[in-house]
Amino acid sequence: MTIIKRITKGSAVIFVAIVITAILEYAYQVSMAHFLSPNTFGVLSVALSIFWVSTTILTSGVKISMAKFIAEDTNEERVSSYLLNGILFNLKRGKY
């Protein structure tokens, strides 16, 4: 598989994942607005906003660092380790 095909396939997968995530997030927001009182929904919205801002700040350098280490390293075993650790770190922070 050529590099262009791999990039295209990877981009398509990421695009589909982003669309599905947006749809699920919208459904979640609508359902929470329906089931919660206005005050409780406001508290939830503020809590989620604080969570997402802090998560973005805490993980801002992870993607850049992973890209740098993977691009520089030729050892396949260490590259797999970088990827696994990055995925686990982001899952732990609730980013995926």
PDB file of N, CA and C in Angstrom:
ATOM      1  N   MET A   1       0.845  -1.174   0.000  1.00  0.00           N
ATOM      2  CA  MET A   1       0.000   0.000   0.000  1.00  0.00           C
ATOM      3  C   MET A   1       0.894   1.242   0.000  1.00  0.00           C
ATOM      4  N   THR A   2       0.630   2.150  -0.901  1.00  0.00           N
ATOM      5  CA  THR A   2       1.457   3.349  -0.986  1.00  0.00           C
ATOM      6  C   THR A   2       1.159   4.274   0.181  1.00  0.00           C
ATOM      7  N   ILE A   3       2.062   5.204   0.379  1.00  0.00           N
ATOM      8  CA  ILE A   3       1.930   6.140   1.495  1.00  0.00           C
ATOM      9  C   ILE A   3       0.691   7.024   1.332  1.00  0.00           C
ATOM     10  N   ILE A   4       0.374   7.418   0.109  1.00  0.00           N
ATOM     11  CA  ILE A   4      -0.809   8.255  -0.128  1.00  0.00           C
ATOM     12  C   ILE A   4      -2.082   7.499   0.241  1.00  0.00           C
ATOM     13  N   LYS A   5      -2.144   6.223  -0.121  1.00  0.00           N
ATOM     14  CA  LYS A   5      -3.325   5.419   0.219  1.00  0.00           C
ATOM     15  C   LYS A   5      -3.433   5.227   1.729  1.00  0.00           C
ATOM     16  N   ARG A   6      -2.306   5.016   2.386  1.00  0.00           N
ATOM     17  CA  ARG A   6      -2.328   4.857   3.846  1.00  0.00           C
ATOM     18  C   ARG A   6      -2.782   6.134   4.527  1.00  0.00           C
ATOM     19  N   ILE A   7      -2.284   7.272   4.054  1.00  0.00           N
ATOM     20  CA  ILE A   7      -2.682   8.552   4.633  1.00  0.00           C
ATOM     21  C   ILE A   7      -4.163   8.806   4.396  1.00  0.00           C
ATOM     22  N   THR A   8      -4.628   8.516   3.185  1.00  0.00           N
ATOM     23  CA  THR A   8      -6.040   8.714   2.862  1.00  0.00           C
ATOM     24  C   THR A   8      -6.924   7.819   3.719  1.00  0.00           C
ATOM     25  N   LYS A   9      -6.536   6.566   3.860  1.00  0.00           N
ATOM     26  CA  LYS A   9      -7.319   5.634   4.668  1.00  0.00           C
ATOM     27  C   LYS A   9      -7.338   6.073   6.136  1.00  0.00           C
ATOM     28  N   GLY A  10      -6.190   6.462   6.656  1.00  0.00           N
ATOM     29  CA  GLY A  10      -6.115   6.931   8.038  1.00  0.00           C
ATOM     30  C   GLY A  10      -6.925   8.191   8.264  1.00  0.00           C
ATOM     31  N   SER A  11      -6.870   9.109   7.302  1.00  0.00           N
ATOM     32  CA  SER A  11      -7.647  10.344   7.410  1.00  0.00           C
ATOM     33  C   SER A  11      -9.140  10.063   7.381  1.00  0.00           C
ATOM     34  N   ALA A  12      -9.553   9.125   6.549  1.00  0.00           N
ATOM     35  CA  ALA A  12     -10.975   8.771   6.474  1.00  0.00           C
ATOM     36  C   ALA A  12     -11.450   8.160   7.790  1.00  0.00           C
ATOM     37  N   VAL A  13     -10.636   7.309   8.374  1.00  0.00           N
ATOM     38  CA  VAL A  13     -11.002   6.694   9.655  1.00  0.00           C
ATOM     39  C   VAL A  13     -11.129   7.759  10.738  1.00  0.00           C
ATOM     40  N   ILE A  14     -10.179   8.678  10.784  1.00  0.00           N
ATOM     41  CA  ILE A  14     -10.226   9.750  11.776  1.00  0.00           C
ATOM     42  C   ILE A  14     -11.442  10.637  11.554  1.00  0.00           C
ATOM     43  N   PHE A  15     -11.746  10.961  10.308  1.00  0.00           N
ATOM     44  CA  PHE A  15     -12.909  11.791  10.000  1.00  0.00           C
ATOM     45  C   PHE A  15     -14.196  11.118  10.461  1.00  0.00           C
ATOM     46  N   VAL A  16     -14.344   9.838  10.173  1.00  0.00           N
ATOM     47  CA  VAL A  16     -15.548   9.105  10.591  1.00  0.00           C
ATOM     48  C   VAL A  16     -15.644   9.072  12.119  1.00  0.00           C
ATOM     49  N   ALA A  17     -14.529   8.862  12.788  1.00  0.00           N
ATOM     50  CA  ALA A  17     -14.531   8.841  14.252  1.00  0.00           C
ATOM     51  C   ALA A  17     -14.936  10.194  14.825  1.00  0.00           C
ATOM     52  N   ILE A  18     -14.464  11.277  14.221  1.00  0.00           N
ATOM     53  CA  ILE A  18     -14.822  12.617  14.688  1.00  0.00           C
ATOM     54  C   ILE A  18     -16.308  12.878  14.489  1.00  0.00           C
ATOM     55  N   VAL A  19     -16.850  12.469  13.347  1.00  0.00           N
ATOM     56  CA  VAL A  19     -18.281  12.662  13.080  1.00  0.00           C
ATOM     57  C   VAL A  19     -19.121  11.860  14.072  1.00  0.00           C
ATOM     58  N   ILE A  20     -18.752  10.611  14.308  1.00  0.00           N
ATOM     59  CA  ILE A  20     -19.497   9.779  15.262  1.00  0.00           C
ATOM     60  C   ILE A  20     -19.422  10.370  16.668  1.00  0.00           C
ATOM     61  N   THR A  21     -18.250  10.850  17.055  1.00  0.00           N
ATOM     62  CA  THR A  21     -18.092  11.469  18.362  1.00  0.00           C
ATOM     63  C   THR A  21     -18.967  12.708  18.492  1.00  0.00           C
ATOM     64  N   ALA A  22     -19.013  13.539  17.463  1.00  0.00           N
ATOM     65  CA  ALA A  22     -19.841  14.743  17.505  1.00  0.00           C
ATOM     66  C   ALA A  22     -21.320  14.395  17.632  1.00  0.00           C
ATOM     67  N   ILE A  23     -21.763  13.377  16.916  1.00  0.00           N
ATOM     68  CA  ILE A  23     -23.167  12.961  16.993  1.00  0.00           C
ATOM     69  C   ILE A  23     -23.492  12.440  18.395  1.00  0.00           C
ATOM     70  N   LEU A  24     -22.619  11.606  18.945  1.00  0.00           N
ATOM     71  CA  LEU A  24     -22.846  11.078  20.289  1.00  0.00           C
ATOM     72  C   LEU A  24     -22.811  12.181  21.343  1.00  0.00           C
ATOM     73  N   GLU A  25     -21.905  13.131  21.184  1.00  0.00           N
ATOM     74  CA  GLU A  25     -21.831  14.244  22.127  1.00  0.00           C
ATOM     75  C   GLU A  25     -23.099  15.093  22.071  1.00  0.00           C
ATOM     76  N   TYR A  26     -23.610  15.328  20.875  1.00  0.00           N
ATOM     77  CA  TYR A  26     -24.856  16.078  20.716  1.00  0.00           C
ATOM     78  C   TYR A  26     -26.018  15.335  21.377  1.00  0.00           C
ATOM     79  N   ALA A  27     -26.102  14.024  21.150  1.00  0.00           N
ATOM     80  CA  ALA A  27     -27.172  13.221  21.758  1.00  0.00           C
ATOM     81  C   ALA A  27     -27.066  13.241  23.283  1.00  0.00           C
ATOM     82  N   TYR A  28     -25.852  13.197  23.795  1.00  0.00           N
ATOM     83  CA  TYR A  28     -25.641  13.260  25.239  1.00  0.00           C
ATOM     84  C   TYR A  28     -26.117  14.600  25.798  1.00  0.00           C
ATOM     85  N   GLN A  29     -25.733  15.689  25.145  1.00  0.00           N
ATOM     86  CA  GLN A  29     -26.137  17.016  25.614  1.00  0.00           C
ATOM     87  C   GLN A  29     -27.655  17.175  25.600  1.00  0.00           C
ATOM     88  N   VAL A  30     -28.304  16.722  24.540  1.00  0.00           N
ATOM     89  CA  VAL A  30     -29.761  16.828  24.441  1.00  0.00           C
ATOM     90  C   VAL A  30     -30.426  15.987  25.526  1.00  0.00           C
ATOM     91  N   SER A  31     -29.937  14.774  25.738  1.00  0.00           N
ATOM     92  CA  SER A  31     -30.548  13.919  26.762  1.00  0.00           C
ATOM     93  C   SER A  31     -30.327  14.480  28.161  1.00  0.00           C
ATOM     94  N   MET A  32     -29.155  15.023  28.438  1.00  0.00           N
ATOM     95  CA  MET A  32     -28.916  15.619  29.752  1.00  0.00           C
ATOM     96  C   MET A  32     -29.782  16.861  29.961  1.00  0.00           C
ATOM     97  N   ALA A  33     -29.960  17.653  28.928  1.00  0.00           N
ATOM     98  CA  ALA A  33     -30.827  18.828  29.034  1.00  0.00           C
ATOM     99  C   ALA A  33     -32.271  18.407  29.290  1.00  0.00           C
ATOM    100  N   HIS A  34     -32.667  17.290  28.749  1.00  0.00           N
ATOM    101  CA  HIS A  34     -34.037  16.797  28.929  1.00  0.00           C
ATOM    102  C   HIS A  34     -34.248  16.223  30.332  1.00  0.00           C
ATOM    103  N   PHE A  35     -33.286  15.460  30.843  1.00  0.00           N
ATOM    104  CA  PHE A  35     -33.467  14.750  32.105  1.00  0.00           C
ATOM    105  C   PHE A  35     -33.098  15.566  33.345  1.00  0.00           C
ATOM    106  N   LEU A  36     -32.227  16.547  33.221  1.00  0.00           N
ATOM    107  CA  LEU A  36     -31.782  17.318  34.379  1.00  0.00           C
ATOM    108  C   LEU A  36     -32.541  18.633  34.483  1.00  0.00           C
ATOM    109  N   SER A  37     -32.564  19.159  35.704  1.00  0.00           N
ATOM    110  CA  SER A  37     -33.159  20.487  35.891  1.00  0.00           C
ATOM    111  C   SER A  37     -32.201  21.528  35.315  1.00  0.00           C
ATOM    112  N   PRO A  38     -32.696  22.745  35.058  1.00  0.00           N
ATOM    113  CA  PRO A  38     -31.797  23.772  34.501  1.00  0.00           C
ATOM    114  C   PRO A  38     -30.572  24.049  35.377  1.00  0.00           C
ATOM    115  N   ASN A  39     -30.768  24.080  36.700  1.00  0.00           N
ATOM    116  CA  ASN A  39     -29.624  24.334  37.587  1.00  0.00           C
ATOM    117  C   ASN A  39     -28.602  23.201  37.523  1.00  0.00           C
ATOM    118  N   THR A  40     -29.077  21.978  37.568  1.00  0.00           N
ATOM    119  CA  THR A  40     -28.182  20.823  37.520  1.00  0.00           C
ATOM    120  C   THR A  40     -27.476  20.730  36.172  1.00  0.00           C
ATOM    121  N   PHE A  41     -28.201  21.023  35.106  1.00  0.00           N
ATOM    122  CA  PHE A  41     -27.580  21.004  33.780  1.00  0.00           C
ATOM    123  C   PHE A  41     -26.499  22.080  33.679  1.00  0.00           C
ATOM    124  N   GLY A  42     -26.731  23.241  34.284  1.00  0.00           N
ATOM    125  CA  GLY A  42     -25.717  24.297  34.299  1.00  0.00           C
ATOM    126  C   GLY A  42     -24.464  23.870  35.040  1.00  0.00           C
ATOM    127  N   VAL A  43     -24.650  23.211  36.183  1.00  0.00           N
ATOM    128  CA  VAL A  43     -23.506  22.713  36.953  1.00  0.00           C
ATOM    129  C   VAL A  43     -22.740  21.669  36.141  1.00  0.00           C
ATOM    130  N   LEU A  44     -23.471  20.766  35.491  1.00  0.00           N
ATOM    131  CA  LEU A  44     -22.829  19.756  34.642  1.00  0.00           C
ATOM    132  C   LEU A  44     -22.041  20.413  33.511  1.00  0.00           C
ATOM    133  N   SER A  45     -22.620  21.417  32.889  1.00  0.00           N
ATOM    134  CA  SER A  45     -21.939  22.107  31.783  1.00  0.00           C
ATOM    135  C   SER A  45     -20.650  22.779  32.245  1.00  0.00           C
ATOM    136  N   VAL A  46     -20.698  23.426  33.401  1.00  0.00           N
ATOM    137  CA  VAL A  46     -19.496  24.070  33.938  1.00  0.00           C
ATOM    138  C   VAL A  46     -18.439  23.020  34.284  1.00  0.00           C
ATOM    139  N   ALA A  47     -18.864  21.925  34.919  1.00  0.00           N
ATOM    140  CA  ALA A  47     -17.918  20.867  35.288  1.00  0.00           C
ATOM    141  C   ALA A  47     -17.266  20.258  34.048  1.00  0.00           C
ATOM    142  N   LEU A  48     -18.058  20.000  33.007  1.00  0.00           N
ATOM    143  CA  LEU A  48     -17.489  19.440  31.775  1.00  0.00           C
ATOM    144  C   LEU A  48     -16.546  20.430  31.092  1.00  0.00           C
ATOM    145  N   SER A  49     -16.887  21.707  31.128  1.00  0.00           N
ATOM    146  CA  SER A  49     -16.005  22.717  30.532  1.00  0.00           C
ATOM    147  C   SER A  49     -14.658  22.755  31.245  1.00  0.00           C
ATOM    148  N   ILE A  50     -14.694  22.744  32.560  1.00  0.00           N
ATOM    149  CA  ILE A  50     -13.448  22.743  33.336  1.00  0.00           C
ATOM    150  C   ILE A  50     -12.643  21.477  33.046  1.00  0.00           C
ATOM    151  N   PHE A  51     -13.337  20.339  32.978  1.00  0.00           N
ATOM    152  CA  PHE A  51     -12.664  19.074  32.683  1.00  0.00           C
ATOM    153  C   PHE A  51     -11.977  19.125  31.326  1.00  0.00           C
ATOM    154  N   TRP A  52     -12.674  19.584  30.277  1.00  0.00           N
ATOM    155  CA  TRP A  52     -12.098  19.585  28.926  1.00  0.00           C
ATOM    156  C   TRP A  52     -10.946  20.575  28.797  1.00  0.00           C
ATOM    157  N   VAL A  53     -11.059  21.736  29.449  1.00  0.00           N
ATOM    158  CA  VAL A  53      -9.961  22.707  29.389  1.00  0.00           C
ATOM    159  C   VAL A  53      -8.730  22.142  30.097  1.00  0.00           C
ATOM    160  N   SER A  54      -8.920  21.564  31.286  1.00  0.00           N
ATOM    161  CA  SER A  54      -7.768  21.015  32.005  1.00  0.00           C
ATOM    162  C   SER A  54      -7.166  19.817  31.273  1.00  0.00           C
ATOM    163  N   THR A  55      -7.996  18.988  30.666  1.00  0.00           N
ATOM    164  CA  THR A  55      -7.488  17.850  29.897  1.00  0.00           C
ATOM    165  C   THR A  55      -6.679  18.320  28.696  1.00  0.00           C
ATOM    166  N   THR A  56      -7.166  19.344  28.018  1.00  0.00           N
ATOM    167  CA  THR A  56      -6.445  19.884  26.866  1.00  0.00           C
ATOM    168  C   THR A  56      -5.087  20.442  27.282  1.00  0.00           C
ATOM    169  N   ILE A  57      -5.050  21.144  28.399  1.00  0.00           N
ATOM    170  CA  ILE A  57      -3.787  21.708  28.884  1.00  0.00           C
ATOM    171  C   ILE A  57      -2.822  20.592  29.292  1.00  0.00           C
ATOM    172  N   LEU A  58      -3.330  19.586  29.996  1.00  0.00           N
ATOM    173  CA  LEU A  58      -2.459  18.512  30.491  1.00  0.00           C
ATOM    174  C   LEU A  58      -1.907  17.627  29.384  1.00  0.00           C
ATOM    175  N   THR A  59      -2.642  17.469  28.293  1.00  0.00           N
ATOM    176  CA  THR A  59      -2.194  16.567  27.223  1.00  0.00           C
ATOM    177  C   THR A  59      -1.677  17.306  25.997  1.00  0.00           C
ATOM    178  N   SER A  60      -1.465  18.599  26.113  1.00  0.00           N
ATOM    179  CA  SER A  60      -1.099  19.382  24.929  1.00  0.00           C
ATOM    180  C   SER A  60       0.241  18.969  24.321  1.00  0.00           C
ATOM    181  N   GLY A  61       1.184  18.537  25.111  1.00  0.00           N
ATOM    182  CA  GLY A  61       2.485  18.179  24.568  1.00  0.00           C
ATOM    183  C   GLY A  61       2.650  16.714  24.223  1.00  0.00           C
ATOM    184  N   VAL A  62       1.674  15.890  24.575  1.00  0.00           N
ATOM    185  CA  VAL A  62       1.813  14.448  24.375  1.00  0.00           C
ATOM    186  C   VAL A  62       1.855  14.094  22.897  1.00  0.00           C
ATOM    187  N   LYS A  63       0.966  14.640  22.106  1.00  0.00           N
ATOM    188  CA  LYS A  63       0.913  14.295  20.682  1.00  0.00           C
ATOM    189  C   LYS A  63       2.178  14.731  19.954  1.00  0.00           C
ATOM    190  N   ILE A  64       2.659  15.921  20.263  1.00  0.00           N
ATOM    191  CA  ILE A  64       3.873  16.422  19.621  1.00  0.00           C
ATOM    192  C   ILE A  64       5.074  15.565  20.024  1.00  0.00           C
ATOM    193  N   SER A  65       5.160  15.228  21.303  1.00  0.00           N
ATOM    194  CA  SER A  65       6.269  14.393  21.774  1.00  0.00           C
ATOM    195  C   SER A  65       6.234  13.012  21.145  1.00  0.00           C
ATOM    196  N   MET A  66       5.039  12.421  21.063  1.00  0.00           N
ATOM    197  CA  MET A  66       4.925  11.101  20.437  1.00  0.00           C
ATOM    198  C   MET A  66       5.348  11.150  18.979  1.00  0.00           C
ATOM    199  N   ALA A  67       4.908  12.158  18.258  1.00  0.00           N
ATOM    200  CA  ALA A  67       5.279  12.272  16.845  1.00  0.00           C
ATOM    201  C   ALA A  67       6.792  12.412  16.693  1.00  0.00           C
ATOM    202  N   LYS A  68       7.411  13.203  17.563  1.00  0.00           N
ATOM    203  CA  LYS A  68       8.859  13.405  17.501  1.00  0.00           C
ATOM    204  C   LYS A  68       9.611  12.103  17.782  1.00  0.00           C
ATOM    205  N   PHE A  69       9.255  11.422  18.863  1.00  0.00           N
ATOM    206  CA  PHE A  69       9.957  10.187  19.218  1.00  0.00           C
ATOM    207  C   PHE A  69       9.757   9.096  18.177  1.00  0.00           C
ATOM    208  N   ILE A  70       8.551   8.966  17.652  1.00  0.00           N
ATOM    209  CA  ILE A  70       8.284   7.927  16.655  1.00  0.00           C
ATOM    210  C   ILE A  70       9.025   8.217  15.356  1.00  0.00           C
ATOM    211  N   ALA A  71       9.075   9.495  14.955  1.00  0.00           N
ATOM    212  CA  ALA A  71       9.766   9.852  13.713  1.00  0.00           C
ATOM    213  C   ALA A  71      11.277   9.627  13.817  1.00  0.00           C
ATOM    214  N   GLU A  72      11.839   9.850  14.994  1.00  0.00           N
ATOM    215  CA  GLU A  72      13.286   9.724  15.163  1.00  0.00           C
ATOM    216  C   GLU A  72      13.742   8.290  15.412  1.00  0.00           C
ATOM    217  N   ASP A  73      12.877   7.450  15.941  1.00  0.00           N
ATOM    218  CA  ASP A  73      13.282   6.106  16.351  1.00  0.00           C
ATOM    219  C   ASP A  73      13.043   5.094  15.236  1.00  0.00           C
ATOM    220  N   THR A  74      14.015   4.216  15.029  1.00  0.00           N
ATOM    221  CA  THR A  74      13.873   3.179  14.001  1.00  0.00           C
ATOM    222  C   THR A  74      13.620   1.801  14.606  1.00  0.00           C
ATOM    223  N   ASN A  75      13.683   1.697  15.923  1.00  0.00           N
ATOM    224  CA  ASN A  75      13.437   0.428  16.596  1.00  0.00           C
ATOM    225  C   ASN A  75      11.925   0.198  16.684  1.00  0.00           C
ATOM    226  N   GLU A  76      11.459  -0.829  15.993  1.00  0.00           N
ATOM    227  CA  GLU A  76      10.016  -1.110  15.888  1.00  0.00           C
ATOM    228  C   GLU A  76       9.397  -1.408  17.259  1.00  0.00           C
ATOM    229  N   GLU A  77      10.158  -2.057  18.127  1.00  0.00           N
ATOM    230  CA  GLU A  77       9.638  -2.403  19.452  1.00  0.00           C
ATOM    231  C   GLU A  77       9.415  -1.154  20.304  1.00  0.00           C
ATOM    232  N   ARG A  78      10.360  -0.217  20.252  1.00  0.00           N
ATOM    233  CA  ARG A  78      10.195   1.019  21.019  1.00  0.00           C
ATOM    234  C   ARG A  78       9.076   1.871  20.453  1.00  0.00           C
ATOM    235  N   VAL A  79       8.917   1.897  19.131  1.00  0.00           N
ATOM    236  CA  VAL A  79       7.829   2.660  18.513  1.00  0.00           C
ATOM    237  C   VAL A  79       6.488   2.119  18.992  1.00  0.00           C
ATOM    238  N   SER A  80       6.342   0.808  19.037  1.00  0.00           N
ATOM    239  CA  SER A  80       5.109   0.208  19.553  1.00  0.00           C
ATOM    240  C   SER A  80       4.894   0.599  21.010  1.00  0.00           C
ATOM    241  N   SER A  81       5.971   0.650  21.764  1.00  0.00           N
ATOM    242  CA  SER A  81       5.880   1.053  23.167  1.00  0.00           C
ATOM    243  C   SER A  81       5.429   2.505  23.289  1.00  0.00           C
ATOM    244  N   TYR A  82       5.966   3.394  22.447  1.00  0.00           N
ATOM    245  CA  TYR A  82       5.545   4.800  22.459  1.00  0.00           C
ATOM    246  C   TYR A  82       4.053   4.918  22.166  1.00  0.00           C
ATOM    247  N   LEU A  83       3.611   4.190  21.142  1.00  0.00           N
ATOM    248  CA  LEU A  83       2.201   4.259  20.762  1.00  0.00           C
ATOM    249  C   LEU A  83       1.302   3.739  21.874  1.00  0.00           C
ATOM    250  N   LEU A  84       1.662   2.607  22.450  1.00  0.00           N
ATOM    251  CA  LEU A  84       0.856   2.033  23.519  1.00  0.00           C
ATOM    252  C   LEU A  84       0.803   2.959  24.730  1.00  0.00           C
ATOM    253  N   ASN A  85       1.945   3.504  25.121  1.00  0.00           N
ATOM    254  CA  ASN A  85       1.976   4.416  26.262  1.00  0.00           C
ATOM    255  C   ASN A  85       1.181   5.684  25.991  1.00  0.00           C
ATOM    256  N   GLY A  86       1.261   6.204  24.778  1.00  0.00           N
ATOM    257  CA  GLY A  86       0.485   7.392  24.437  1.00  0.00           C
ATOM    258  C   GLY A  86      -1.005   7.138  24.474  1.00  0.00           C
ATOM    259  N   ILE A  87      -1.421   5.988  23.951  1.00  0.00           N
ATOM    260  CA  ILE A  87      -2.844   5.640  23.975  1.00  0.00           C
ATOM    261  C   ILE A  87      -3.318   5.451  25.412  1.00  0.00           C
ATOM    262  N   LEU A  88      -2.539   4.735  26.215  1.00  0.00           N
ATOM    263  CA  LEU A  88      -2.926   4.527  27.611  1.00  0.00           C
ATOM    264  C   LEU A  88      -2.983   5.842  28.379  1.00  0.00           C
ATOM    265  N   PHE A  89      -2.030   6.743  28.124  1.00  0.00           N
ATOM    266  CA  PHE A  89      -2.029   8.045  28.789  1.00  0.00           C
ATOM    267  C   PHE A  89      -3.284   8.830  28.432  1.00  0.00           C
ATOM    268  N   ASN A  90      -3.644   8.847  27.151  1.00  0.00           N
ATOM    269  CA  ASN A  90      -4.827   9.587  26.734  1.00  0.00           C
ATOM    270  C   ASN A  90      -6.111   8.934  27.227  1.00  0.00           C
ATOM    271  N   LEU A  91      -6.158   7.616  27.275  1.00  0.00           N
ATOM    272  CA  LEU A  91      -7.335   6.942  27.822  1.00  0.00           C
ATOM    273  C   LEU A  91      -7.497   7.253  29.306  1.00  0.00           C
ATOM    274  N   LYS A  92      -6.368   7.296  30.009  1.00  0.00           N
ATOM    275  CA  LYS A  92      -6.402   7.604  31.436  1.00  0.00           C
ATOM    276  C   LYS A  92      -6.916   9.024  31.667  1.00  0.00           C
ATOM    277  N   ARG A  93      -6.579   9.924  30.780  1.00  0.00           N
ATOM    278  CA  ARG A  93      -7.029  11.311  30.891  1.00  0.00           C
ATOM    279  C   ARG A  93      -8.412  11.524  30.275  1.00  0.00           C
ATOM    280  N   GLY A  94      -8.971  10.484  29.662  1.00  0.00           N
ATOM    281  CA  GLY A  94     -10.307  10.597  29.074  1.00  0.00           C
ATOM    282  C   GLY A  94     -10.336  11.311  27.743  1.00  0.00           C
ATOM    283  N   LYS A  95      -9.288  11.180  26.975  1.00  0.00           N
ATOM    284  CA  LYS A  95      -9.180  11.946  25.741  1.00  0.00           C
ATOM    285  C   LYS A  95      -9.634  11.190  24.512  1.00  0.00           C
ATOM    286  N   TYR A  96      -9.740   9.864  24.532  1.00  0.00           N
ATOM    287  CA  TYR A  96     -10.145   9.119  23.347  1.00  0.00           C
ATOM    288  C   TYR A  96     -11.576   8.742  23.424  1.00  0.00           C
TER     289      TYR A  96
END
